[in-house]
Amino acid sequence: MKLVLIAFIGGVLWLGGATALIVGLVGTRKPLGPASTGGQFFVNLWNGSGRTAAARRAHRLTLLAGLAAGIAAYFITHLPVAGFLVAAAVPGAPWLFSVGRSERESIDKLEAIGEWARRLKDISSVGTGLQQAIVASSATAPIAVAEEVRDLAVRLQAGVDAREALMIFADSIGDPICDQVVAALILHLSDRGDRLGDVLLSIASASTAEVATRREVEAKRTQSRFGVRFLTITTVLALAYGLIRPSYMAPYATPLGQFIMAMLAILFIGVLLWVRSMSQPEPAPRFLDTPGQRLGSSR
């Protein structure tokens, strides 16, 4: 039993080291934010990346379900590495299946920003002040950016400096097209020019062209994303078969078998992460020096 425990600890250390290496090479593609050290890492792991309370609650339930499934898998197979793999697969499989979702959401937000810019241009063109126009536009903002626009309107109504509120808004969207809209609005706050509507309309037209380009690129990534989902399904089916047929896992019951299982798991997870990274686009460079960018660049 001690040898099995040693093999399990060794496999976990190898798996952790390989995961850290892969993350360092391909990145996590998470939004820029403050550095996570020590206990903050576990806080972020527990809370997840969800922006709403419901999303964070669902993430925590998934983690607890994975822990319970891992413990059950260990008692069924009596293999520590198998329990670890099942515990990782419960939250990991949905994450792998969702490949491309963040890019689709980004495209939807970009399209919504263009539409919001047009609405803002229409409202401001009738003589309404910029801040009043932003507040008025929050009632009819496109769904993809409705929450961000409402937050911007609330900050303006609460007396937050308009420039600071707009910079926070740009950081919450995190797209260069939105940076252009925000830059135009900030410039209008200082010079009060009469060409704001023309600028917003030009940016909205540019966003339409950008959306078309991104959707075309998104379609070309379908094959690699199918590969991620296929490998994920293969992994889940193999784990499920091993739980149903303990004899399938019998060759891995020795310390050497546990070590081999851990090494195979490292390689397979590495392939999954590598293929997933290839199916994700590089984040578009931004030009506004927002609070999130400053925090990210200091890491």
Protein backbone atom coordinates (compact mmCIF):
# COMPACT_ATOMS: atom_id res chain seq x y z
CA MET A 1 0.00 0.00 0.00
CA LYS A 2 2.89 2.35 0.75
CA LEU A 3 4.30 1.73 -2.72
CA VAL A 4 0.94 2.57 -4.27
CA LEU A 5 0.82 5.79 -2.24
CA ILE A 6 4.34 6.71 -3.32
CA ALA A 7 3.44 6.04 -6.95
CA PHE A 8 0.32 8.17 -6.58
CA ILE A 9 2.23 11.08 -5.06
CA GLY A 10 4.85 10.79 -7.77
CA GLY A 11 2.17 10.79 -10.48
CA VAL A 12 0.48 13.85 -8.98
CA LEU A 13 3.80 15.72 -8.86
CA TRP A 14 4.54 14.79 -12.47
CA LEU A 15 1.04 15.80 -13.53
CA GLY A 16 1.29 19.12 -11.71
CA GLY A 17 4.69 19.88 -13.21
CA ALA A 18 3.58 19.00 -16.74
CA THR A 19 0.41 21.08 -16.38
CA ALA A 20 2.41 24.07 -15.16
CA LEU A 21 4.79 23.68 -18.12
CA ILE A 22 1.93 23.47 -20.63
CA VAL A 23 0.15 26.48 -19.11
CA GLY A 24 3.41 28.41 -19.28
CA LEU A 25 3.85 27.55 -22.94
CA VAL A 26 0.31 27.97 -24.30
CA GLY A 27 -1.15 30.34 -21.69
CA THR A 28 -4.53 30.23 -20.00
CA ARG A 29 -6.24 32.93 -22.08
CA LYS A 30 -7.92 34.26 -18.98
CA PRO A 31 -8.72 37.98 -18.76
CA LEU A 32 -5.91 40.05 -17.37
CA GLY A 33 -6.17 40.60 -13.65
CA PRO A 34 -4.22 40.72 -10.41
CA ALA A 35 -1.65 38.05 -9.78
CA SER A 36 -2.81 34.96 -7.88
CA THR A 37 -0.45 33.75 -5.19
CA GLY A 38 -0.83 31.39 -2.27
CA GLY A 39 -4.34 31.22 -0.93
CA GLN A 40 -5.65 33.52 -3.66
CA PHE A 41 -5.07 30.71 -6.18
CA PHE A 42 -7.45 28.44 -4.30
CA VAL A 43 -9.96 31.27 -3.90
CA ASN A 44 -9.93 31.79 -7.68
CA LEU A 45 -10.18 28.02 -8.23
CA TRP A 46 -13.18 27.85 -5.91
CA ASN A 47 -14.95 30.88 -7.36
CA GLY A 48 -14.12 30.22 -11.01
CA SER A 49 -14.25 32.89 -13.72
CA GLY A 50 -18.01 33.45 -13.64
CA ARG A 51 -19.13 37.06 -13.38
CA THR A 52 -22.50 36.29 -11.77
CA ALA A 53 -23.39 34.62 -8.49
CA ALA A 54 -25.25 31.87 -10.35
CA ALA A 55 -22.21 31.09 -12.53
CA ARG A 56 -19.93 30.92 -9.48
CA ARG A 57 -22.40 28.70 -7.66
CA ALA A 58 -22.58 26.31 -10.63
CA HIS A 59 -18.78 26.20 -10.77
CA ARG A 60 -18.55 25.28 -7.08
CA LEU A 61 -21.17 22.55 -7.47
CA THR A 62 -19.15 21.14 -10.38
CA LEU A 63 -16.00 21.06 -8.26
CA LEU A 64 -17.83 19.31 -5.42
CA ALA A 65 -19.34 16.83 -7.88
CA GLY A 66 -15.86 16.13 -9.25
CA LEU A 67 -14.49 15.53 -5.75
CA ALA A 68 -17.34 13.16 -4.95
CA ALA A 69 -16.91 11.33 -8.26
CA GLY A 70 -13.17 11.00 -7.68
CA ILE A 71 -13.69 9.49 -4.23
CA ALA A 72 -16.30 7.08 -5.62
CA ALA A 73 -13.95 6.10 -8.46
CA TYR A 74 -11.18 5.38 -5.97
CA PHE A 75 -13.40 3.07 -3.90
CA ILE A 76 -14.60 1.29 -7.03
CA THR A 77 -11.19 0.77 -8.65
CA HIS A 78 -8.89 1.10 -5.61
CA LEU A 79 -6.59 3.10 -7.90
CA PRO A 80 -5.59 6.56 -6.61
CA VAL A 81 -4.65 7.88 -10.06
CA ALA A 82 -8.00 6.76 -11.50
CA GLY A 83 -9.76 8.66 -8.72
CA PHE A 84 -7.70 11.76 -9.48
CA LEU A 85 -8.48 11.50 -13.21
CA VAL A 86 -12.22 11.15 -12.62
CA ALA A 87 -12.17 14.11 -10.20
CA ALA A 88 -10.39 16.21 -12.85
CA ALA A 89 -12.62 14.98 -15.69
CA VAL A 90 -15.91 16.15 -14.13
CA PRO A 91 -15.08 19.89 -14.30
CA GLY A 92 -12.53 19.45 -17.11
CA ALA A 93 -14.77 17.79 -19.69
CA PRO A 94 -17.33 20.65 -19.82
CA TRP A 95 -14.44 23.14 -20.07
CA LEU A 96 -13.03 21.25 -23.05
CA PHE A 97 -16.47 20.89 -24.66
CA SER A 98 -16.97 24.65 -24.38
CA VAL A 99 -13.98 25.33 -26.64
CA GLY A 100 -14.80 28.26 -28.89
CA ARG A 101 -17.57 29.57 -26.67
CA SER A 102 -15.49 32.48 -25.37
CA GLU A 103 -14.62 33.51 -28.93
CA ARG A 104 -18.29 33.36 -29.98
CA GLU A 105 -19.21 35.47 -26.97
CA SER A 106 -16.45 37.92 -27.90
CA ILE A 107 -17.82 38.20 -31.45
CA ASP A 108 -21.35 38.74 -30.13
CA LYS A 109 -20.05 41.48 -27.83
CA LEU A 110 -18.18 43.14 -30.69
CA GLU A 111 -21.34 43.13 -32.80
CA ALA A 112 -23.31 44.51 -29.87
CA ILE A 113 -20.75 47.30 -29.32
CA GLY A 114 -21.23 48.41 -32.93
CA GLU A 115 -24.99 48.40 -32.49
CA TRP A 116 -24.71 50.30 -29.19
CA ALA A 117 -22.46 52.91 -30.84
CA ARG A 118 -25.13 53.50 -33.49
CA ARG A 119 -27.84 53.88 -30.86
CA LEU A 120 -25.64 56.24 -28.86
CA LYS A 121 -25.05 58.29 -32.01
CA ASP A 122 -28.80 58.54 -32.65
CA ILE A 123 -29.56 59.60 -29.06
CA SER A 124 -26.75 62.16 -28.86
CA SER A 125 -27.63 63.65 -32.25
CA VAL A 126 -30.86 65.16 -30.90
CA GLY A 127 -29.00 67.45 -28.51
CA THR A 128 -28.79 65.15 -25.47
CA GLY A 129 -25.61 65.41 -23.41
CA LEU A 130 -23.17 62.52 -23.63
CA GLN A 131 -23.64 61.22 -20.10
CA GLN A 132 -27.42 61.52 -20.39
CA ALA A 133 -27.24 59.72 -23.75
CA ILE A 134 -25.28 56.85 -22.21
CA VAL A 135 -27.78 56.52 -19.37
CA ALA A 136 -30.68 56.59 -21.86
CA SER A 137 -29.00 53.98 -24.08
CA SER A 138 -28.77 51.52 -21.18
CA ALA A 139 -32.50 50.85 -21.45
CA THR A 140 -32.19 49.52 -25.02
CA ALA A 141 -28.59 48.23 -25.04
CA PRO A 142 -28.01 44.97 -26.97
CA ILE A 143 -28.24 41.87 -24.79
CA ALA A 144 -24.56 40.91 -25.20
CA VAL A 145 -23.39 44.15 -23.54
CA ALA A 146 -26.51 45.12 -21.61
CA GLU A 147 -24.98 44.36 -18.22
CA GLU A 148 -21.80 46.35 -18.93
CA VAL A 149 -23.75 49.34 -20.29
CA ARG A 150 -26.07 49.31 -17.27
CA ASP A 151 -23.05 49.24 -14.94
CA LEU A 152 -21.60 52.21 -16.83
CA ALA A 153 -24.88 54.12 -16.51
CA VAL A 154 -25.09 53.34 -12.78
CA ARG A 155 -21.56 54.63 -12.21
CA LEU A 156 -22.31 57.84 -14.08
CA GLN A 157 -25.52 58.37 -12.12
CA ALA A 158 -23.64 57.68 -8.87
CA GLY A 159 -21.25 60.54 -9.59
CA VAL A 160 -18.19 58.51 -10.64
CA ASP A 161 -15.84 60.49 -12.87
CA ALA A 162 -16.97 59.95 -16.46
CA ARG A 163 -13.48 59.15 -17.76
CA GLU A 164 -12.89 56.59 -15.01
CA ALA A 165 -16.30 55.00 -15.58
CA LEU A 166 -15.62 54.70 -19.32
CA MET A 167 -12.20 53.14 -18.71
CA ILE A 168 -13.79 50.54 -16.41
CA PHE A 169 -16.37 49.88 -19.09
CA ALA A 170 -13.64 49.35 -21.71
CA ASP A 171 -11.84 46.96 -19.36
CA SER A 172 -15.00 44.92 -18.79
CA ILE A 173 -15.45 44.45 -22.57
CA GLY A 174 -11.76 43.98 -23.33
CA ASP A 175 -11.88 44.55 -27.09
CA PRO A 176 -9.95 47.08 -29.24
CA ILE A 177 -13.12 48.18 -31.06
CA CYS A 178 -14.68 49.05 -27.72
CA ASP A 179 -11.46 50.90 -26.88
CA GLN A 180 -12.04 53.03 -29.99
CA VAL A 181 -15.58 53.89 -28.89
CA VAL A 182 -14.42 54.74 -25.38
CA ALA A 183 -11.52 56.83 -26.69
CA ALA A 184 -13.93 58.82 -28.86
CA LEU A 185 -16.27 59.39 -25.91
CA ILE A 186 -13.42 60.47 -23.63
CA LEU A 187 -12.14 62.92 -26.25
CA HIS A 188 -15.65 64.32 -26.62
CA LEU A 189 -15.77 64.94 -22.86
CA SER A 190 -12.76 67.23 -23.17
CA ASP A 191 -13.29 69.08 -26.47
CA ARG A 192 -17.10 68.88 -26.94
CA GLY A 193 -16.75 68.62 -30.72
CA ASP A 194 -19.75 68.21 -33.01
CA ARG A 195 -18.41 65.23 -34.98
CA LEU A 196 -18.97 62.56 -32.34
CA GLY A 197 -21.83 61.03 -34.31
CA ASP A 198 -19.67 60.65 -37.43
CA VAL A 199 -16.89 59.03 -35.41
CA LEU A 200 -19.28 56.57 -33.73
CA LEU A 201 -20.84 55.67 -37.06
CA SER A 202 -17.38 55.05 -38.55
CA ILE A 203 -16.39 52.81 -35.63
CA ALA A 204 -19.70 50.93 -35.90
CA SER A 205 -19.02 50.27 -39.60
CA ALA A 206 -15.52 49.03 -38.74
CA SER A 207 -16.99 46.71 -36.11
CA THR A 208 -19.32 45.20 -38.72
CA ALA A 209 -16.36 44.38 -40.96
CA GLU A 210 -14.43 42.99 -37.99
CA VAL A 211 -17.36 40.76 -37.01
CA ALA A 212 -17.51 39.33 -40.54
CA THR A 213 -13.77 38.58 -40.48
CA ARG A 214 -13.90 36.93 -37.07
CA ARG A 215 -16.86 34.78 -38.00
CA GLU A 216 -14.99 33.58 -41.08
CA VAL A 217 -11.94 32.67 -38.98
CA GLU A 218 -14.22 31.04 -36.41
CA ALA A 219 -15.66 28.77 -39.11
CA LYS A 220 -12.18 27.68 -40.16
CA ARG A 221 -11.37 26.53 -36.61
CA THR A 222 -14.22 24.03 -36.59
CA GLN A 223 -12.01 21.05 -37.45
CA SER A 224 -9.52 21.57 -34.61
CA ARG A 225 -12.35 22.15 -32.15
CA PHE A 226 -14.00 18.94 -33.31
CA GLY A 227 -10.70 17.23 -32.49
CA VAL A 228 -10.83 18.60 -28.93
CA ARG A 229 -14.36 17.33 -28.44
CA PHE A 230 -13.54 13.93 -29.96
CA LEU A 231 -10.55 13.45 -27.65
CA THR A 232 -12.66 14.55 -24.69
CA ILE A 233 -15.39 12.03 -25.52
CA THR A 234 -12.75 9.30 -25.90
CA THR A 235 -11.31 10.10 -22.49
CA VAL A 236 -14.69 10.14 -20.75
CA LEU A 237 -15.73 6.84 -22.35
CA ALA A 238 -12.43 5.19 -21.39
CA LEU A 239 -12.82 6.31 -17.77
CA ALA A 240 -16.45 5.18 -17.70
CA TYR A 241 -15.52 1.76 -19.12
CA GLY A 242 -12.79 1.38 -16.52
CA LEU A 243 -15.28 2.05 -13.74
CA ILE A 244 -17.82 -0.39 -15.15
CA ARG A 245 -15.23 -3.11 -15.83
CA PRO A 246 -12.66 -3.16 -12.99
CA SER A 247 -10.77 -5.89 -14.85
CA TYR A 248 -9.91 -3.25 -17.47
CA MET A 249 -7.93 -1.38 -14.81
CA ALA A 250 -6.37 -4.49 -13.28
CA PRO A 251 -2.97 -4.12 -15.07
CA TYR A 252 -2.58 -0.70 -13.45
CA ALA A 253 -3.10 -1.96 -9.88
CA THR A 254 0.63 -2.21 -9.17
CA PRO A 255 2.85 0.76 -8.22
CA LEU A 256 4.47 0.55 -11.66
CA GLY A 257 1.05 0.45 -13.27
CA GLN A 258 -0.02 3.53 -11.32
CA PHE A 259 3.11 5.34 -12.45
CA ILE A 260 2.46 4.38 -16.08
CA MET A 261 -1.17 5.48 -15.79
CA ALA A 262 -0.03 8.84 -14.41
CA MET A 263 2.47 9.30 -17.25
CA LEU A 264 -0.13 8.40 -19.88
CA ALA A 265 -2.57 10.80 -18.27
CA ILE A 266 0.02 13.59 -18.38
CA LEU A 267 0.67 13.01 -22.07
CA PHE A 268 -3.01 12.77 -22.95
CA ILE A 269 -4.00 15.86 -20.97
CA GLY A 270 -1.07 17.67 -22.56
CA VAL A 271 -2.36 16.77 -26.03
CA LEU A 272 -5.85 17.98 -25.10
CA LEU A 273 -4.54 21.32 -23.85
CA TRP A 274 -2.28 21.70 -26.88
CA VAL A 275 -5.07 21.00 -29.37
CA ARG A 276 -7.40 23.33 -27.48
CA SER A 277 -4.81 26.11 -27.54
CA MET A 278 -4.50 25.75 -31.33
CA SER A 279 -8.26 26.16 -31.71
CA GLN A 280 -8.29 29.44 -29.79
CA PRO A 281 -7.42 32.75 -31.48
CA GLU A 282 -4.79 35.10 -30.15
CA PRO A 283 -6.33 37.95 -28.12
CA ALA A 284 -6.56 41.15 -30.11
CA PRO A 285 -4.11 43.84 -28.90
CA ARG A 286 -5.67 46.82 -27.15
CA PHE A 287 -4.40 50.39 -26.98
CA LEU A 288 -6.16 51.87 -23.94
CA ASP A 289 -4.19 51.70 -20.70
CA THR A 290 -7.03 50.36 -18.57
CA PRO A 291 -6.73 49.25 -14.92
CA GLY A 292 -6.91 45.57 -15.91
CA GLN A 293 -4.07 45.97 -18.40
CA ARG A 294 -1.85 47.66 -15.84
CA LEU A 295 -2.48 44.86 -13.34
CA GLY A 296 -1.77 42.23 -15.97
CA SER A 297 1.45 43.85 -17.22
CA SER A 298 2.84 44.04 -13.70
CA ARG A 299 2.75 40.29 -13.30
